[in-house]
Protein backbone atom coordinates (compact mmCIF):
# COMPACT_ATOMS: atom_id res chain seq x y z
CA MET A 1 1.05 -1.20 3.70
CA ASN A 2 -1.24 0.27 6.50
CA GLU A 3 -1.06 -0.78 9.95
CA ARG A 4 -3.65 -3.33 9.92
CA VAL A 5 -2.37 -5.01 7.04
CA ARG A 6 1.51 -4.85 8.78
CA ALA A 7 0.51 -6.34 12.10
CA ILE A 8 -1.74 -9.27 10.02
CA VAL A 9 1.83 -10.02 8.26
CA GLU A 10 3.30 -10.17 11.59
CA GLU A 11 1.04 -12.44 13.39
CA ALA A 12 0.73 -14.60 10.16
CA ARG A 13 5.17 -15.10 9.79
CA LYS A 14 4.98 -16.47 13.77
CA LEU A 15 1.95 -19.29 12.79
CA SER A 16 1.85 -23.17 12.16
CA SER A 17 0.77 -24.13 8.48
CA GLU A 18 -2.96 -24.79 10.39
CA GLU A 19 -2.97 -21.51 12.14
CA ARG A 20 -2.57 -19.60 8.97
CA ARG A 21 -5.42 -21.36 7.19
CA GLU A 22 -7.20 -20.13 10.13
CA LEU A 23 -6.25 -16.58 9.73
CA ILE A 24 -7.08 -16.51 6.09
CA GLN A 25 -10.27 -17.75 7.05
CA ARG A 26 -10.68 -15.05 9.40
CA LEU A 27 -9.30 -12.50 6.83
CA ARG A 28 -12.02 -14.18 3.92
CA PHE A 29 -14.85 -12.97 6.59
CA GLU A 30 -13.43 -9.31 6.75
CA ILE A 31 -13.46 -9.04 3.43
CA ALA A 32 -16.55 -9.99 2.79
CA ALA A 33 -17.69 -7.51 5.28
CA ASP A 34 -15.55 -4.63 3.47
CA ARG A 35 -17.08 -5.75 -0.08
CA ASP A 36 -20.53 -4.75 1.79
CA ARG A 37 -19.22 -1.36 2.83
CA LEU A 38 -17.75 -0.91 -0.54
CA ASP A 39 -20.91 -1.89 -2.71
CA ALA A 40 -22.51 1.29 -0.39
CA LEU A 41 -19.71 3.33 -0.91
CA ALA A 42 -19.83 2.71 -4.89
CA THR A 43 -23.43 3.60 -4.68
CA ARG A 44 -22.80 7.31 -3.17
CA TYR A 45 -19.28 7.72 -5.14
CA PRO A 46 -19.64 6.19 -8.36
CA GLY A 47 -16.76 7.99 -9.78
CA LEU A 48 -14.24 6.69 -6.61
CA ALA A 49 -15.44 3.11 -7.38
CA ARG A 50 -14.97 2.83 -10.89
CA SER A 51 -11.44 4.22 -10.12
CA LEU A 52 -10.87 1.68 -7.36
CA ALA A 53 -12.00 -1.08 -10.25
CA VAL A 54 -9.74 0.21 -13.02
CA TYR A 55 -6.39 0.58 -10.76
CA TYR A 56 -7.04 -2.57 -8.51
CA GLY A 57 -9.47 -5.08 -10.44
CA ASP A 58 -6.90 -6.31 -12.47
CA PRO A 59 -4.62 -9.05 -11.11
CA ALA A 60 -2.24 -8.89 -14.41
CA ARG A 61 -1.80 -5.28 -13.95
CA ALA A 62 -0.72 -5.01 -10.25
CA ALA A 63 1.57 -8.11 -10.90
CA ALA A 64 3.44 -5.71 -13.95
CA MET A 65 3.58 -3.24 -11.37
CA ASP A 66 5.44 -5.34 -8.83
CA LYS A 67 7.42 -6.60 -11.59
CA LEU A 68 8.24 -3.00 -12.44
CA TYR A 69 8.76 -1.05 -9.27
CA THR A 70 10.66 -4.10 -7.64
CA ARG A 71 13.43 -3.20 -9.80
CA PHE A 72 13.64 0.34 -7.93
CA VAL A 73 12.61 -0.10 -4.74
CA LYS A 74 14.16 -3.17 -3.04
CA SER A 75 12.59 -4.95 -0.28
CA GLY A 76 12.95 -3.12 3.13
CA GLY A 77 13.55 0.23 1.23
CA LEU A 78 11.62 3.54 1.57
CA ALA A 79 9.33 4.88 -1.20
CA PHE A 80 6.44 7.91 -1.39
CA ASP A 81 3.99 7.49 -3.74
CA ILE A 82 3.34 11.66 -4.35
CA GLY A 83 0.60 12.84 -5.47
CA SER A 84 -1.51 9.68 -5.22
CA HIS A 85 -5.07 9.06 -6.48
CA VAL A 86 -6.11 5.82 -5.28
CA GLY A 87 -2.95 4.65 -4.21
CA ASP A 88 -2.50 1.54 -6.35
CA ARG A 89 1.30 1.88 -6.53
CA ILE A 90 2.02 1.60 -2.80
CA GLY A 91 0.92 -2.08 -2.96
CA ALA A 92 3.73 -2.47 -5.54
CA PHE A 93 6.46 -0.75 -3.14
């Protein structure tokens, strides 16, 4: 989890339900801006865009990886994704 995401998660833990809804709304705007940047990157680097779509574009695959890796890396545990291509396993860790 990168530092930005970690900070958001820590912030969210301290919030009321209403404040969490507002945070989610803010994040949706940030994600939309990120999508614009990703579209520009995809045009420039189509191979990378394909890899990101393959590894991050399937929620069922992500859920299966979460289930698999939970058996090996417990909450609060430490794991390294050595040789990471686009870091898709690190999300499961």
